[in-house]
PDB file of N, CA and C in Angstrom:
ATOM      1  N   UNK A   1      89.163 140.642 150.296  1.00  0.00           N
ATOM      2  CA  UNK A   1      88.836 141.485 149.028  1.00  0.00           C
ATOM      3  C   UNK A   1      88.536 140.763 147.921  1.00  0.00           C
ATOM      4  N   UNK A   2      87.004 140.980 147.238  1.00  0.00           N
ATOM      5  CA  UNK A   2      86.936 140.037 145.574  1.00  0.00           C
ATOM      6  C   UNK A   2      86.688 140.826 144.317  1.00  0.00           C
ATOM      7  N   UNK A   3      86.761 142.083 144.450  1.00  0.00           N
ATOM      8  CA  UNK A   3      86.438 142.736 143.461  1.00  0.00           C
ATOM      9  C   UNK A   3      88.637 143.511 142.789  1.00  0.00           C
ATOM     10  N   UNK A   4      87.730 143.606 141.489  1.00  0.00           N
ATOM     11  CA  UNK A   4      89.090 143.784 140.610  1.00  0.00           C
ATOM     12  C   UNK A   4      89.739 144.519 140.701  1.00  0.00           C
ATOM     13  N   UNK A   5      90.730 145.639 140.776  1.00  0.00           N
ATOM     14  CA  UNK A   5      90.890 147.072 140.976  1.00  0.00           C
ATOM     15  C   UNK A   5      90.220 148.055 139.770  1.00  0.00           C
ATOM     16  N   UNK A   6      90.133 148.864 139.863  1.00  0.00           N
ATOM     17  CA  UNK A   6      89.806 150.158 138.974  1.00  0.00           C
ATOM     18  C   UNK A   6      90.441 151.181 139.407  1.00  0.00           C
ATOM     19  N   UNK A   7      90.302 151.821 138.091  1.00  0.00           N
ATOM     20  CA  UNK A   7      91.056 152.682 138.121  1.00  0.00           C
ATOM     21  C   UNK A   7      89.912 154.497 138.233  1.00  0.00           C
ATOM     22  N   UNK A   8      89.972 155.507 138.357  1.00  0.00           N
ATOM     23  CA  UNK A   8      88.023 156.545 138.568  1.00  0.00           C
ATOM     24  C   UNK A   8      88.621 157.088 137.259  1.00  0.00           C
ATOM     25  N   UNK A   9      86.786 157.085 136.636  1.00  0.00           N
ATOM     26  CA  UNK A   9      86.652 157.536 135.481  1.00  0.00           C
ATOM     27  C   UNK A   9      87.663 159.347 135.583  1.00  0.00           C
ATOM     28  N   UNK A  10      86.981 160.113 134.268  1.00  0.00           N
ATOM     29  CA  UNK A  10      87.663 161.166 134.338  1.00  0.00           C
ATOM     30  C   UNK A  10      87.438 162.364 135.153  1.00  0.00           C
ATOM     31  N   UNK A  11      85.888 161.958 135.061  1.00  0.00           N
ATOM     32  CA  UNK A  11      85.055 162.703 135.287  1.00  0.00           C
ATOM     33  C   UNK A  11      85.105 163.605 136.482  1.00  0.00           C
ATOM     34  N   UNK A  12      84.744 164.312 137.811  1.00  0.00           N
ATOM     35  CA  UNK A  12      84.435 164.271 138.795  1.00  0.00           C
ATOM     36  C   UNK A  12      82.615 163.452 139.366  1.00  0.00           C
ATOM     37  N   UNK A  13      81.680 163.737 137.730  1.00  0.00           N
ATOM     38  CA  UNK A  13      80.328 163.708 138.465  1.00  0.00           C
ATOM     39  C   UNK A  13      80.765 162.191 137.600  1.00  0.00           C
ATOM     40  N   UNK A  14      80.727 161.203 137.519  1.00  0.00           N
ATOM     41  CA  UNK A  14      81.322 159.724 137.260  1.00  0.00           C
ATOM     42  C   UNK A  14      81.790 158.752 138.142  1.00  0.00           C
ATOM     43  N   UNK A  15      82.850 159.849 138.548  1.00  0.00           N
ATOM     44  CA  UNK A  15      83.899 159.009 139.636  1.00  0.00           C
ATOM     45  C   UNK A  15      82.242 158.928 140.968  1.00  0.00           C
ATOM     46  N   UNK A  16      81.658 159.440 140.811  1.00  0.00           N
ATOM     47  CA  UNK A  16      80.616 159.603 142.313  1.00  0.00           C
ATOM     48  C   UNK A  16      79.576 158.408 141.620  1.00  0.00           C
ATOM     49  N   UNK A  17      79.217 158.985 140.164  1.00  0.00           N
ATOM     50  CA  UNK A  17      77.944 157.397 140.522  1.00  0.00           C
ATOM     51  C   UNK A  17      78.502 156.442 139.865  1.00  0.00           C
ATOM     52  N   UNK A  18      79.976 156.548 139.431  1.00  0.00           N
ATOM     53  CA  UNK A  18      81.076 154.793 139.489  1.00  0.00           C
ATOM     54  C   UNK A  18      80.691 154.712 140.499  1.00  0.00           C
ATOM     55  N   UNK A  19      80.678 154.608 141.721  1.00  0.00           N
ATOM     56  CA  UNK A  19      81.408 154.834 143.109  1.00  0.00           C
ATOM     57  C   UNK A  19      80.259 154.521 143.206  1.00  0.00           C
ATOM     58  N   UNK A  20      78.832 154.964 143.393  1.00  0.00           N
ATOM     59  CA  UNK A  20      77.352 154.651 144.100  1.00  0.00           C
ATOM     60  C   UNK A  20      77.403 153.820 143.609  1.00  0.00           C
ATOM     61  N   UNK A  21      77.243 153.306 142.520  1.00  0.00           N
ATOM     62  CA  UNK A  21      77.007 152.124 141.353  1.00  0.00           C
ATOM     63  C   UNK A  21      77.568 151.181 142.003  1.00  0.00           C
ATOM     64  N   UNK A  22      78.561 150.869 142.246  1.00  0.00           N
ATOM     65  CA  UNK A  22      80.033 150.093 142.494  1.00  0.00           C
ATOM     66  C   UNK A  22      80.475 150.266 143.616  1.00  0.00           C
ATOM     67  N   UNK A  23      80.701 151.245 144.681  1.00  0.00           N
ATOM     68  CA  UNK A  23      81.268 150.779 145.791  1.00  0.00           C
ATOM     69  C   UNK A  23      82.535 150.385 146.063  1.00  0.00           C
ATOM     70  N   UNK A  24      83.587 150.622 145.433  1.00  0.00           N
ATOM     71  CA  UNK A  24      84.638 150.560 145.759  1.00  0.00           C
ATOM     72  C   UNK A  24      85.465 149.919 147.331  1.00  0.00           C
ATOM     73  N   UNK A  25      86.181 148.184 147.529  1.00  0.00           N
ATOM     74  CA  UNK A  25      86.594 147.450 148.395  1.00  0.00           C
ATOM     75  C   UNK A  25      87.213 148.847 149.909  1.00  0.00           C
ATOM     76  N   UNK A  26      87.972 149.923 148.685  1.00  0.00           N
ATOM     77  CA  UNK A  26      89.086 150.720 149.007  1.00  0.00           C
ATOM     78  C   UNK A  26      88.904 151.479 148.306  1.00  0.00           C
ATOM     79  N   UNK A  27      90.104 152.886 148.127  1.00  0.00           N
ATOM     80  CA  UNK A  27      90.720 153.514 148.020  1.00  0.00           C
ATOM     81  C   UNK A  27      91.720 154.197 148.326  1.00  0.00           C
ATOM     82  N   UNK A  28      92.997 154.336 147.220  1.00  0.00           N
ATOM     83  CA  UNK A  28      94.580 155.474 148.087  1.00  0.00           C
ATOM     84  C   UNK A  28      94.010 156.847 147.512  1.00  0.00           C
ATOM     85  N   UNK A  29      93.920 157.851 148.796  1.00  0.00           N
ATOM     86  CA  UNK A  29      94.016 158.850 148.383  1.00  0.00           C
ATOM     87  C   UNK A  29      94.771 159.545 148.829  1.00  0.00           C
ATOM     88  N   UNK A  30      95.402 160.577 148.165  1.00  0.00           N
ATOM     89  CA  UNK A  30      97.436 161.267 148.200  1.00  0.00           C
ATOM     90  C   UNK A  30      96.457 162.550 148.627  1.00  0.00           C
ATOM     91  N   UNK A  31      97.478 162.682 149.871  1.00  0.00           N
ATOM     92  CA  UNK A  31      97.012 164.289 150.867  1.00  0.00           C
ATOM     93  C   UNK A  31      97.555 165.070 150.065  1.00  0.00           C
ATOM     94  N   UNK A  32      98.294 165.523 148.279  1.00  0.00           N
ATOM     95  CA  UNK A  32      98.864 166.711 148.367  1.00  0.00           C
ATOM     96  C   UNK A  32      97.834 165.815 146.341  1.00  0.00           C
ATOM     97  N   UNK A  33      96.669 167.042 146.335  1.00  0.00           N
ATOM     98  CA  UNK A  33      96.373 166.198 144.640  1.00  0.00           C
ATOM     99  C   UNK A  33      95.646 168.032 144.226  1.00  0.00           C
ATOM    100  N   UNK A  34      95.194 167.767 142.834  1.00  0.00           N
ATOM    101  CA  UNK A  34      95.136 169.237 142.599  1.00  0.00           C
ATOM    102  C   UNK A  34      93.242 169.650 142.921  1.00  0.00           C
ATOM    103  N   UNK A  35      92.881 170.275 143.107  1.00  0.00           N
ATOM    104  CA  UNK A  35      91.479 170.382 143.770  1.00  0.00           C
ATOM    105  C   UNK A  35      91.401 170.375 144.972  1.00  0.00           C
ATOM    106  N   UNK A  36      90.595 169.197 144.826  1.00  0.00           N
ATOM    107  CA  UNK A  36      90.909 168.298 146.730  1.00  0.00           C
ATOM    108  C   UNK A  36      92.034 167.985 147.615  1.00  0.00           C
ATOM    109  N   UNK A  37      91.991 168.399 148.750  1.00  0.00           N
ATOM    110  CA  UNK A  37      93.006 167.619 149.164  1.00  0.00           C
ATOM    111  C   UNK A  37      92.610 165.902 149.893  1.00  0.00           C
ATOM    112  N   UNK A  38      93.784 165.104 149.680  1.00  0.00           N
ATOM    113  CA  UNK A  38      93.356 163.698 149.984  1.00  0.00           C
ATOM    114  C   UNK A  38      92.196 163.685 151.172  1.00  0.00           C
ATOM    115  N   UNK A  39      92.203 164.735 152.717  1.00  0.00           N
ATOM    116  CA  UNK A  39      91.840 165.529 153.873  1.00  0.00           C
ATOM    117  C   UNK A  39      90.261 165.143 153.741  1.00  0.00           C
ATOM    118  N   UNK A  40      90.258 167.058 152.550  1.00  0.00           N
ATOM    119  CA  UNK A  40      88.785 166.245 152.058  1.00  0.00           C
ATOM    120  C   UNK A  40      88.551 165.554 151.029  1.00  0.00           C
ATOM    121  N   UNK A  41      89.059 165.186 150.475  1.00  0.00           N
ATOM    122  CA  UNK A  41      88.448 163.809 150.512  1.00  0.00           C
ATOM    123  C   UNK A  41      87.914 162.529 150.477  1.00  0.00           C
ATOM    124  N   UNK A  42      88.771 162.694 151.987  1.00  0.00           N
ATOM    125  CA  UNK A  42      88.486 161.769 152.759  1.00  0.00           C
ATOM    126  C   UNK A  42      86.975 161.815 152.767  1.00  0.00           C
ATOM    127  N   UNK A  43      86.186 163.434 153.470  1.00  0.00           N
ATOM    128  CA  UNK A  43      85.564 163.806 154.389  1.00  0.00           C
ATOM    129  C   UNK A  43      84.155 164.303 153.418  1.00  0.00           C
ATOM    130  N   UNK A  44      84.663 163.805 151.501  1.00  0.00           N
ATOM    131  CA  UNK A  44      83.486 163.725 150.587  1.00  0.00           C
ATOM    132  C   UNK A  44      82.948 162.565 150.513  1.00  0.00           C
ATOM    133  N   UNK A  45      84.343 161.583 150.889  1.00  0.00           N
ATOM    134  CA  UNK A  45      83.887 160.079 150.432  1.00  0.00           C
ATOM    135  C   UNK A  45      83.235 159.620 152.101  1.00  0.00           C
ATOM    136  N   UNK A  46      83.224 159.979 153.037  1.00  0.00           N
ATOM    137  CA  UNK A  46      82.433 159.762 154.616  1.00  0.00           C
ATOM    138  C   UNK A  46      81.248 160.336 154.122  1.00  0.00           C
ATOM    139  N   UNK A  47      80.675 161.101 153.694  1.00  0.00           N
ATOM    140  CA  UNK A  47      79.503 162.373 153.622  1.00  0.00           C
ATOM    141  C   UNK A  47      78.535 161.020 152.460  1.00  0.00           C
ATOM    142  N   UNK A  48      78.588 160.112 151.877  1.00  0.00           N
ATOM    143  CA  UNK A  48      78.239 159.214 150.808  1.00  0.00           C
ATOM    144  C   UNK A  48      77.899 158.202 151.217  1.00  0.00           C
ATOM    145  N   UNK A  49      76.482 158.065 150.885  1.00  0.00           N
ATOM    146  CA  UNK A  49      76.182 156.320 152.450  1.00  0.00           C
ATOM    147  C   UNK A  49      76.294 155.280 151.400  1.00  0.00           C
ATOM    148  N   UNK A  50      76.576 155.092 150.174  1.00  0.00           N
ATOM    149  CA  UNK A  50      77.199 154.201 149.216  1.00  0.00           C
ATOM    150  C   UNK A  50      78.716 153.135 149.145  1.00  0.00           C
ATOM    151  N   UNK A  51      79.035 155.034 150.121  1.00  0.00           N
ATOM    152  CA  UNK A  51      80.945 154.655 150.355  1.00  0.00           C
ATOM    153  C   UNK A  51      81.156 154.420 151.925  1.00  0.00           C
ATOM    154  N   UNK A  52      80.159 154.402 152.890  1.00  0.00           N
ATOM    155  CA  UNK A  52      80.482 154.104 154.140  1.00  0.00           C
ATOM    156  C   UNK A  52      81.461 153.623 154.359  1.00  0.00           C
ATOM    157  N   UNK A  53      81.499 151.377 153.479  1.00  0.00           N
ATOM    158  CA  UNK A  53      82.091 151.019 154.460  1.00  0.00           C
ATOM    159  C   UNK A  53      83.224 150.885 153.734  1.00  0.00           C
ATOM    160  N   UNK A  54      83.883 151.969 152.738  1.00  0.00           N
ATOM    161  CA  UNK A  54      84.417 152.522 151.429  1.00  0.00           C
ATOM    162  C   UNK A  54      86.075 152.059 152.438  1.00  0.00           C
ATOM    163  N   UNK A  55      87.260 151.384 152.497  1.00  0.00           N
ATOM    164  CA  UNK A  55      88.317 151.436 153.166  1.00  0.00           C
ATOM    165  C   UNK A  55      88.933 152.836 152.526  1.00  0.00           C
ATOM    166  N   UNK A  56      89.800 153.925 153.472  1.00  0.00           N
ATOM    167  CA  UNK A  56      90.431 154.425 153.030  1.00  0.00           C
ATOM    168  C   UNK A  56      91.626 154.343 153.396  1.00  0.00           C
ATOM    169  N   UNK A  57      92.987 154.675 152.332  1.00  0.00           N
ATOM    170  CA  UNK A  57      93.468 154.484 152.750  1.00  0.00           C
ATOM    171  C   UNK A  57      94.534 155.964 152.022  1.00  0.00           C
ATOM    172  N   UNK A  58      95.283 157.045 153.309  1.00  0.00           N
ATOM    173  CA  UNK A  58      96.160 158.336 152.300  1.00  0.00           C
ATOM    174  C   UNK A  58      97.244 157.839 152.050  1.00  0.00           C
ATOM    175  N   UNK A  59      98.251 157.947 151.347  1.00  0.00           N
ATOM    176  CA  UNK A  59      99.555 158.275 151.063  1.00  0.00           C
ATOM    177  C   UNK A  59     100.640 159.571 151.260  1.00  0.00           C
ATOM    178  N   UNK A  60     101.290 160.116 151.779  1.00  0.00           N
ATOM    179  CA  UNK A  60     101.981 161.024 151.031  1.00  0.00           C
ATOM    180  C   UNK A  60     104.069 161.183 151.744  1.00  0.00           C
ATOM    181  N   UNK A  61     104.270 162.198 150.642  1.00  0.00           N
ATOM    182  CA  UNK A  61     105.294 162.691 151.316  1.00  0.00           C
ATOM    183  C   UNK A  61     105.471 163.309 151.786  1.00  0.00           C
ATOM    184  N   UNK A  62     104.672 163.742 152.347  1.00  0.00           N
ATOM    185  CA  UNK A  62     104.901 165.074 153.134  1.00  0.00           C
ATOM    186  C   UNK A  62     105.717 164.564 154.731  1.00  0.00           C
ATOM    187  N   UNK A  63     107.017 165.327 155.238  1.00  0.00           N
ATOM    188  CA  UNK A  63     107.865 165.142 156.162  1.00  0.00           C
ATOM    189  C   UNK A  63     107.110 165.173 157.556  1.00  0.00           C
ATOM    190  N   UNK A  64     105.582 165.851 157.443  1.00  0.00           N
ATOM    191  CA  UNK A  64     104.664 165.992 158.843  1.00  0.00           C
ATOM    192  C   UNK A  64     103.273 165.306 158.544  1.00  0.00           C
ATOM    193  N   UNK A  65     103.600 163.181 158.641  1.00  0.00           N
ATOM    194  CA  UNK A  65     102.660 162.831 159.239  1.00  0.00           C
ATOM    195  C   UNK A  65     102.005 162.036 159.946  1.00  0.00           C
ATOM    196  N   UNK A  66     102.534 162.296 160.637  1.00  0.00           N
ATOM    197  CA  UNK A  66     101.715 162.717 162.444  1.00  0.00           C
ATOM    198  C   UNK A  66     100.642 163.869 161.872  1.00  0.00           C
ATOM    199  N   UNK A  67     101.301 164.474 161.892  1.00  0.00           N
ATOM    200  CA  UNK A  67     100.262 165.839 162.253  1.00  0.00           C
ATOM    201  C   UNK A  67      98.212 164.881 160.938  1.00  0.00           C
ATOM    202  N   UNK A  68      98.753 164.993 159.875  1.00  0.00           N
ATOM    203  CA  UNK A  68      98.137 164.239 159.366  1.00  0.00           C
ATOM    204  C   UNK A  68      97.789 162.767 159.378  1.00  0.00           C
ATOM    205  N   UNK A  69      98.078 162.270 160.337  1.00  0.00           N
ATOM    206  CA  UNK A  69      97.918 160.716 161.176  1.00  0.00           C
ATOM    207  C   UNK A  69      96.731 160.916 161.476  1.00  0.00           C
ATOM    208  N   UNK A  70      96.089 162.030 161.944  1.00  0.00           N
ATOM    209  CA  UNK A  70      95.151 162.084 163.115  1.00  0.00           C
ATOM    210  C   UNK A  70      94.141 163.310 162.683  1.00  0.00           C
ATOM    211  N   UNK A  71      94.597 163.993 161.427  1.00  0.00           N
ATOM    212  CA  UNK A  71      93.582 164.565 161.039  1.00  0.00           C
ATOM    213  C   UNK A  71      92.508 163.588 159.601  1.00  0.00           C
ATOM    214  N   UNK A  72      93.545 162.340 159.699  1.00  0.00           N
ATOM    215  CA  UNK A  72      93.201 161.164 157.986  1.00  0.00           C
ATOM    216  C   UNK A  72      91.881 160.609 158.839  1.00  0.00           C
ATOM    217  N   UNK A  73      92.394 160.533 160.330  1.00  0.00           N
ATOM    218  CA  UNK A  73      91.730 159.308 161.175  1.00  0.00           C
ATOM    219  C   UNK A  73      90.323 159.951 161.066  1.00  0.00           C
ATOM    220  N   UNK A  74      89.995 161.242 160.951  1.00  0.00           N
ATOM    221  CA  UNK A  74      89.160 161.867 161.934  1.00  0.00           C
ATOM    222  C   UNK A  74      88.209 162.116 161.116  1.00  0.00           C
ATOM    223  N   UNK A  75      88.887 161.964 159.548  1.00  0.00           N
ATOM    224  CA  UNK A  75      87.938 162.101 158.852  1.00  0.00           C
ATOM    225  C   UNK A  75      87.678 161.095 158.447  1.00  0.00           C
ATOM    226  N   UNK A  76      88.402 159.900 158.509  1.00  0.00           N
ATOM    227  CA  UNK A  76      87.285 158.249 158.178  1.00  0.00           C
ATOM    228  C   UNK A  76      88.394 157.711 157.827  1.00  0.00           C
ATOM    229  N   UNK A  77      89.902 158.207 157.581  1.00  0.00           N
ATOM    230  CA  UNK A  77      90.907 157.006 156.532  1.00  0.00           C
ATOM    231  C   UNK A  77      90.844 155.999 158.046  1.00  0.00           C
ATOM    232  N   UNK A  78      91.107 154.946 157.131  1.00  0.00           N
ATOM    233  CA  UNK A  78      92.135 153.264 157.955  1.00  0.00           C
ATOM    234  C   UNK A  78      93.901 154.193 158.352  1.00  0.00           C
ATOM    235  N   UNK A  79      94.379 155.000 157.123  1.00  0.00           N
ATOM    236  CA  UNK A  79      96.118 154.671 157.710  1.00  0.00           C
ATOM    237  C   UNK A  79      96.399 155.214 156.733  1.00  0.00           C
ATOM    238  N   UNK A  80      98.057 155.718 156.791  1.00  0.00           N
ATOM    239  CA  UNK A  80      98.488 156.881 155.634  1.00  0.00           C
ATOM    240  C   UNK A  80     100.107 155.832 156.146  1.00  0.00           C
ATOM    241  N   UNK A  81     100.204 155.687 154.358  1.00  0.00           N
ATOM    242  CA  UNK A  81     101.036 155.170 153.964  1.00  0.00           C
ATOM    243  C   UNK A  81     102.671 156.031 153.894  1.00  0.00           C
ATOM    244  N   UNK A  82     104.184 156.828 153.867  1.00  0.00           N
ATOM    245  CA  UNK A  82     104.097 156.904 153.053  1.00  0.00           C
ATOM    246  C   UNK A  82     105.514 156.676 151.921  1.00  0.00           C
ATOM    247  N   UNK A  83     105.253 158.156 151.205  1.00  0.00           N
ATOM    248  CA  UNK A  83     106.330 157.962 150.299  1.00  0.00           C
ATOM    249  C   UNK A  83     107.519 157.800 150.073  1.00  0.00           C
ATOM    250  N   UNK A  84     108.777 158.030 149.036  1.00  0.00           N
ATOM    251  CA  UNK A  84     107.871 156.531 148.197  1.00  0.00           C
ATOM    252  C   UNK A  84     107.573 155.566 148.462  1.00  0.00           C
ATOM    253  N   UNK A  85     106.652 155.103 148.162  1.00  0.00           N
ATOM    254  CA  UNK A  85     105.862 153.404 148.517  1.00  0.00           C
ATOM    255  C   UNK A  85     107.388 152.677 147.674  1.00  0.00           C
ATOM    256  N   UNK A  86     107.166 150.838 148.493  1.00  0.00           N
ATOM    257  CA  UNK A  86     108.520 149.882 148.629  1.00  0.00           C
ATOM    258  C   UNK A  86     106.761 149.158 147.988  1.00  0.00           C
ATOM    259  N   UNK A  87     107.361 147.452 148.685  1.00  0.00           N
ATOM    260  CA  UNK A  87     107.520 146.374 149.355  1.00  0.00           C
ATOM    261  C   UNK A  87     106.516 146.568 150.165  1.00  0.00           C
ATOM    262  N   UNK A  88     106.858 147.320 151.298  1.00  0.00           N
ATOM    263  CA  UNK A  88     106.806 147.717 152.975  1.00  0.00           C
ATOM    264  C   UNK A  88     105.488 148.136 152.534  1.00  0.00           C
ATOM    265  N   UNK A  89     105.989 149.584 151.817  1.00  0.00           N
ATOM    266  CA  UNK A  89     104.348 149.558 151.849  1.00  0.00           C
ATOM    267  C   UNK A  89     103.354 148.998 151.557  1.00  0.00           C
ATOM    268  N   UNK A  90     102.969 148.815 150.429  1.00  0.00           N
ATOM    269  CA  UNK A  90     102.571 147.219 150.460  1.00  0.00           C
ATOM    270  C   UNK A  90     102.287 146.362 151.075  1.00  0.00           C
ATOM    271  N   UNK A  91     103.111 145.543 152.206  1.00  0.00           N
ATOM    272  CA  UNK A  91     102.820 144.927 153.534  1.00  0.00           C
ATOM    273  C   UNK A  91     101.907 145.948 154.304  1.00  0.00           C
ATOM    274  N   UNK A  92     102.220 147.252 154.523  1.00  0.00           N
ATOM    275  CA  UNK A  92     101.461 147.943 155.771  1.00  0.00           C
ATOM    276  C   UNK A  92      99.970 148.531 154.765  1.00  0.00           C
ATOM    277  N   UNK A  93     100.305 148.583 153.485  1.00  0.00           N
ATOM    278  CA  UNK A  93      98.170 148.239 152.744  1.00  0.00           C
ATOM    279  C   UNK A  93      97.401 147.163 153.391  1.00  0.00           C
ATOM    280  N   UNK A  94      97.871 145.967 153.594  1.00  0.00           N
ATOM    281  CA  UNK A  94      97.475 144.620 153.471  1.00  0.00           C
ATOM    282  C   UNK A  94      96.994 144.543 154.334  1.00  0.00           C
ATOM    283  N   UNK A  95      97.975 144.943 155.698  1.00  0.00           N
ATOM    284  CA  UNK A  95      98.002 145.282 157.449  1.00  0.00           C
ATOM    285  C   UNK A  95      96.769 145.864 157.160  1.00  0.00           C
ATOM    286  N   UNK A  96      96.519 147.111 157.481  1.00  0.00           N
ATOM    287  CA  UNK A  96      94.858 147.998 157.400  1.00  0.00           C
ATOM    288  C   UNK A  96      94.046 147.456 156.171  1.00  0.00           C
ATOM    289  N   UNK A  97      94.352 146.711 155.556  1.00  0.00           N
ATOM    290  CA  UNK A  97      92.778 146.550 155.440  1.00  0.00           C
ATOM    291  C   UNK A  97      92.238 145.073 155.674  1.00  0.00           C
ATOM    292  N   UNK A  98      93.735 144.107 156.030  1.00  0.00           N
ATOM    293  CA  UNK A  98      93.255 143.003 157.070  1.00  0.00           C
ATOM    294  C   UNK A  98      92.421 143.473 158.034  1.00  0.00           C
ATOM    295  N   UNK A  99      92.519 144.229 159.406  1.00  0.00           N
ATOM    296  CA  UNK A  99      91.861 144.991 159.791  1.00  0.00           C
ATOM    297  C   UNK A  99      90.204 145.104 159.776  1.00  0.00           C
ATOM    298  N   UNK A 100      89.836 146.070 158.915  1.00  0.00           N
ATOM    299  CA  UNK A 100      89.032 146.461 158.562  1.00  0.00           C
ATOM    300  C   UNK A 100      87.575 145.206 158.160  1.00  0.00           C
ATOM    301  N   UNK A 101      86.449 145.270 158.950  1.00  0.00           N
ATOM    302  CA  UNK A 101      85.181 144.437 158.772  1.00  0.00           C
ATOM    303  C   UNK A 101      84.719 144.792 156.953  1.00  0.00           C
ATOM    304  N   UNK A 102      84.834 143.791 156.527  1.00  0.00           N
ATOM    305  CA  UNK A 102      83.995 142.634 155.089  1.00  0.00           C
ATOM    306  C   UNK A 102      82.312 144.161 155.026  1.00  0.00           C
ATOM    307  N   UNK A 103      82.517 144.855 154.338  1.00  0.00           N
ATOM    308  CA  UNK A 103      81.132 145.279 154.200  1.00  0.00           C
ATOM    309  C   UNK A 103      80.106 144.616 153.597  1.00  0.00           C
TER     310      UNK A 103
END
C-alpha cells in the first residue's frame, strides 16, 4: 500500500464522492454502526465500481463472530478482526491485506 491513511468525510454524499475520486486501498468497517451496519456497508461498497478492488476488513466485539464472518465474506469482506483490538489485531490485518491483489 502506498497511499496515506485517510478518514471519511462527515457527510455521506461526500464520502462516496471522495471514495470514487480517490479509491482507498482498504477500509475498516465495524459491524455495529449507526445507520448502515457493517454487512450492509460491505454490500454498498461492492456495488460501486470505483471501489471494486478496495479491501474490506470488518471489526466486531460481538460474540457470534463466525456467523458474521461467513456473511461478510459473501458480501465481499476479506476478513473479520475481533475487538478490543491489540497488537495481534494489527498483525492479523496485515496478514489479511497481504493476501490481496494490488489494484
